[in-house]
């Protein structure tokens, strides 16, 4: 175990961590998330919402041609 390699128990390592947080008023290492993951999750949520709305409106059987026709009509303000 890594703690033993440093000559301390897991409890001592945790105490050192907590004291560092208190002393420095910050976590002593970077915490981050990959932006791609956040974007992917948001994209999937949006996609699922669109699928749900399409199912409610009966648009699930539309062909690509039908979809493009709807988009064109929406852009033209119809």
C-alpha atoms as a PDB file:
ATOM      1  CA  UNK A   1       0.000   0.000   0.000  1.00  0.00           C
ATOM      2  CA  UNK A   2       1.234   3.480  -0.833  1.00  0.00           C
ATOM      3  CA  UNK A   3       0.775   4.836   2.686  1.00  0.00           C
ATOM      4  CA  UNK A   4       3.053   2.117   4.089  1.00  0.00           C
ATOM      5  CA  UNK A   5       5.652   3.062   1.466  1.00  0.00           C
ATOM      6  CA  UNK A   6       5.616   6.557   2.986  1.00  0.00           C
ATOM      7  CA  UNK A   7       5.880   5.123   6.479  1.00  0.00           C
ATOM      8  CA  UNK A   8       2.371   6.035   7.656  1.00  0.00           C
ATOM      9  CA  UNK A   9      -1.031   4.484   8.125  1.00  0.00           C
ATOM     10  CA  UNK A  10      -4.060   5.371   6.015  1.00  0.00           C
ATOM     11  CA  UNK A  11      -5.451   7.192   9.068  1.00  0.00           C
ATOM     12  CA  UNK A  12      -2.295   9.331   9.344  1.00  0.00           C
ATOM     13  CA  UNK A  13      -2.383  10.057   5.594  1.00  0.00           C
ATOM     14  CA  UNK A  14      -5.997  11.204   5.897  1.00  0.00           C
ATOM     15  CA  UNK A  15      -5.094  13.420   8.869  1.00  0.00           C
ATOM     16  CA  UNK A  16      -2.255  14.988   6.844  1.00  0.00           C
ATOM     17  CA  UNK A  17      -4.717  15.607   3.978  1.00  0.00           C
ATOM     18  CA  UNK A  18      -7.329  17.219   6.259  1.00  0.00           C
ATOM     19  CA  UNK A  19      -4.703  19.420   7.946  1.00  0.00           C
ATOM     20  CA  UNK A  20      -3.471  20.553   4.525  1.00  0.00           C
ATOM     21  CA  UNK A  21      -7.026  21.448   3.452  1.00  0.00           C
ATOM     22  CA  UNK A  22      -7.589  23.433   6.657  1.00  0.00           C
ATOM     23  CA  UNK A  23      -4.206  25.164   6.543  1.00  0.00           C
ATOM     24  CA  UNK A  24      -4.363  26.116   2.836  1.00  0.00           C
ATOM     25  CA  UNK A  25      -8.144  26.524   2.556  1.00  0.00           C
ATOM     26  CA  UNK A  26      -8.061  24.425  -0.630  1.00  0.00           C
ATOM     27  CA  UNK A  27      -7.836  20.854  -1.858  1.00  0.00           C
ATOM     28  CA  UNK A  28      -4.119  20.047  -2.316  1.00  0.00           C
ATOM     29  CA  UNK A  29      -4.628  18.643  -5.836  1.00  0.00           C
ATOM     30  CA  UNK A  30      -6.548  19.575  -8.971  1.00  0.00           C
ATOM     31  CA  UNK A  31     -10.112  18.350  -9.356  1.00  0.00           C
ATOM     32  CA  UNK A  32     -11.508  18.569 -12.838  1.00  0.00           C
ATOM     33  CA  UNK A  33     -13.822  17.013 -15.338  1.00  0.00           C
ATOM     34  CA  UNK A  34     -13.166  16.539 -18.994  1.00  0.00           C
ATOM     35  CA  UNK A  35     -15.099  19.130 -20.947  1.00  0.00           C
ATOM     36  CA  UNK A  36     -15.879  16.530 -23.608  1.00  0.00           C
ATOM     37  CA  UNK A  37     -17.667  14.428 -21.024  1.00  0.00           C
ATOM     38  CA  UNK A  38     -19.801  17.376 -19.914  1.00  0.00           C
ATOM     39  CA  UNK A  39     -20.619  18.277 -23.498  1.00  0.00           C
ATOM     40  CA  UNK A  40     -21.425  14.664 -24.316  1.00  0.00           C
ATOM     41  CA  UNK A  41     -23.731  14.317 -21.331  1.00  0.00           C
ATOM     42  CA  UNK A  42     -25.519  17.572 -22.173  1.00  0.00           C
ATOM     43  CA  UNK A  43     -25.800  16.530 -25.809  1.00  0.00           C
ATOM     44  CA  UNK A  44     -27.256  13.155 -24.899  1.00  0.00           C
ATOM     45  CA  UNK A  45     -29.794  14.794 -22.575  1.00  0.00           C
ATOM     46  CA  UNK A  46     -30.833  17.181 -25.347  1.00  0.00           C
ATOM     47  CA  UNK A  47     -31.097  14.296 -27.815  1.00  0.00           C
ATOM     48  CA  UNK A  48     -33.260  12.278 -25.431  1.00  0.00           C
ATOM     49  CA  UNK A  49     -35.526  15.297 -24.878  1.00  0.00           C
ATOM     50  CA  UNK A  50     -35.896  15.738 -28.635  1.00  0.00           C
ATOM     51  CA  UNK A  51     -36.730  12.043 -29.053  1.00  0.00           C
ATOM     52  CA  UNK A  52     -39.354  12.311 -26.328  1.00  0.00           C
ATOM     53  CA  UNK A  53     -40.911  15.380 -27.955  1.00  0.00           C
ATOM     54  CA  UNK A  54     -40.858  13.705 -31.393  1.00  0.00           C
ATOM     55  CA  UNK A  55     -42.633  10.667 -29.986  1.00  0.00           C
ATOM     56  CA  UNK A  56     -45.298  12.869 -28.352  1.00  0.00           C
ATOM     57  CA  UNK A  57     -45.910  14.800 -31.575  1.00  0.00           C
ATOM     58  CA  UNK A  58     -45.968  11.717 -33.774  1.00  0.00           C
ATOM     59  CA  UNK A  59     -42.889  12.764 -35.728  1.00  0.00           C
ATOM     60  CA  UNK A  60     -40.993   9.535 -35.140  1.00  0.00           C
ATOM     61  CA  UNK A  61     -41.824   8.075 -38.554  1.00  0.00           C
ATOM     62  CA  UNK A  62     -40.520  11.029 -40.564  1.00  0.00           C
ATOM     63  CA  UNK A  63     -37.973  10.478 -43.306  1.00  0.00           C
ATOM     64  CA  UNK A  64     -34.902  12.659 -43.700  1.00  0.00           C
ATOM     65  CA  UNK A  65     -36.662  14.371 -46.604  1.00  0.00           C
ATOM     66  CA  UNK A  66     -39.671  15.134 -44.358  1.00  0.00           C
ATOM     67  CA  UNK A  67     -37.422  16.460 -41.609  1.00  0.00           C
ATOM     68  CA  UNK A  68     -35.543  18.747 -44.005  1.00  0.00           C
ATOM     69  CA  UNK A  69     -38.888  19.996 -45.362  1.00  0.00           C
ATOM     70  CA  UNK A  70     -39.986  20.852 -41.803  1.00  0.00           C
ATOM     71  CA  UNK A  71     -36.707  22.636 -41.102  1.00  0.00           C
ATOM     72  CA  UNK A  72     -37.010  24.661 -44.308  1.00  0.00           C
ATOM     73  CA  UNK A  73     -40.599  25.627 -43.449  1.00  0.00           C
ATOM     74  CA  UNK A  74     -39.566  26.676 -39.936  1.00  0.00           C
ATOM     75  CA  UNK A  75     -36.745  28.816 -41.306  1.00  0.00           C
ATOM     76  CA  UNK A  76     -39.159  30.499 -43.701  1.00  0.00           C
ATOM     77  CA  UNK A  77     -41.472  31.265 -40.781  1.00  0.00           C
ATOM     78  CA  UNK A  78     -44.360  29.010 -41.737  1.00  0.00           C
END
